[in-house]
Amino acid sequence: MKLISFKAPNTYLEGLDELVRAGVYSSRSEAIRIAIRDLLKRELNWKAGNMPASLMEVD
């Protein structure tokens, strides 16, 4: 994996922290990776059969 950085509004970070505290995700990073994966699946119309294998699992 590559490390990236970006700016996000405090409200986004607070929401991420709430999800982590609730145990929905183990970390902000995990939540963001899953959100990016889901965005790519939706926007690029990837189906499970033709989605790149590297996107099938998120660590």
Protein backbone atom coordinates (compact mmCIF):
# COMPACT_ATOMS: atom_id res chain seq x y z
CA MET A 1 0.00 0.00 0.00
CA LYS A 2 1.03 3.57 -0.56
CA LEU A 3 0.68 6.29 2.02
CA ILE A 4 -1.35 9.30 0.92
CA SER A 5 -2.45 12.41 2.74
CA PHE A 6 -5.39 14.70 2.19
CA LYS A 7 -7.34 17.42 3.91
CA ALA A 8 -10.78 16.68 5.29
CA PRO A 9 -13.28 18.78 7.22
CA ASN A 10 -13.35 18.22 10.97
CA THR A 11 -16.90 16.91 10.72
CA TYR A 12 -15.69 14.06 8.45
CA LEU A 13 -12.96 13.16 10.95
CA GLU A 14 -15.40 13.28 13.83
CA GLY A 15 -17.73 10.95 11.93
CA LEU A 16 -14.87 8.56 11.19
CA ASP A 17 -13.82 8.59 14.83
CA GLU A 18 -17.39 7.81 15.89
CA LEU A 19 -17.46 4.79 13.56
CA VAL A 20 -14.13 3.58 14.96
CA ARG A 21 -15.30 4.04 18.56
CA ALA A 22 -18.48 2.10 17.75
CA GLY A 23 -16.35 -0.76 16.43
CA VAL A 24 -17.69 -0.51 12.88
CA TYR A 25 -14.11 -0.08 11.61
CA SER A 26 -10.80 -0.77 13.30
CA SER A 27 -9.28 2.56 12.20
CA ARG A 28 -9.86 5.69 10.15
CA SER A 29 -7.62 4.18 7.49
CA GLU A 30 -9.76 1.07 7.17
CA ALA A 31 -12.94 3.14 6.86
CA ILE A 32 -11.39 5.38 4.20
CA ARG A 33 -10.03 2.40 2.21
CA ILE A 34 -13.46 0.79 2.19
CA ALA A 35 -15.12 4.06 1.21
CA ILE A 36 -12.70 4.50 -1.70
CA ARG A 37 -13.21 0.89 -2.81
CA ASP A 38 -16.98 1.31 -2.75
CA LEU A 39 -16.75 4.62 -4.64
CA LEU A 40 -14.64 3.00 -7.36
CA LYS A 41 -17.02 0.05 -7.62
CA ARG A 42 -20.00 2.38 -7.97
CA GLU A 43 -18.49 5.04 -10.24
CA LEU A 44 -16.66 2.62 -12.52
CA ASN A 45 -19.54 0.13 -12.49
CA TRP A 46 -17.25 -2.68 -11.42
CA LYS A 47 -18.99 -5.92 -10.70
CA ALA A 48 -17.43 -8.69 -8.60
CA GLY A 49 -16.50 -10.59 -11.77
CA ASN A 50 -14.50 -7.83 -13.42
CA MET A 51 -13.23 -5.86 -10.45
CA PRO A 52 -9.43 -5.89 -10.14
CA ALA A 53 -8.34 -8.50 -7.60
CA SER A 54 -6.43 -5.85 -5.68
CA LEU A 55 -9.74 -4.17 -4.84
CA MET A 56 -11.58 -7.32 -3.80
CA GLU A 57 -10.03 -7.28 -0.33
CA VAL A 58 -9.20 -4.30 1.82
CA ASP A 59 -6.73 -4.70 4.68
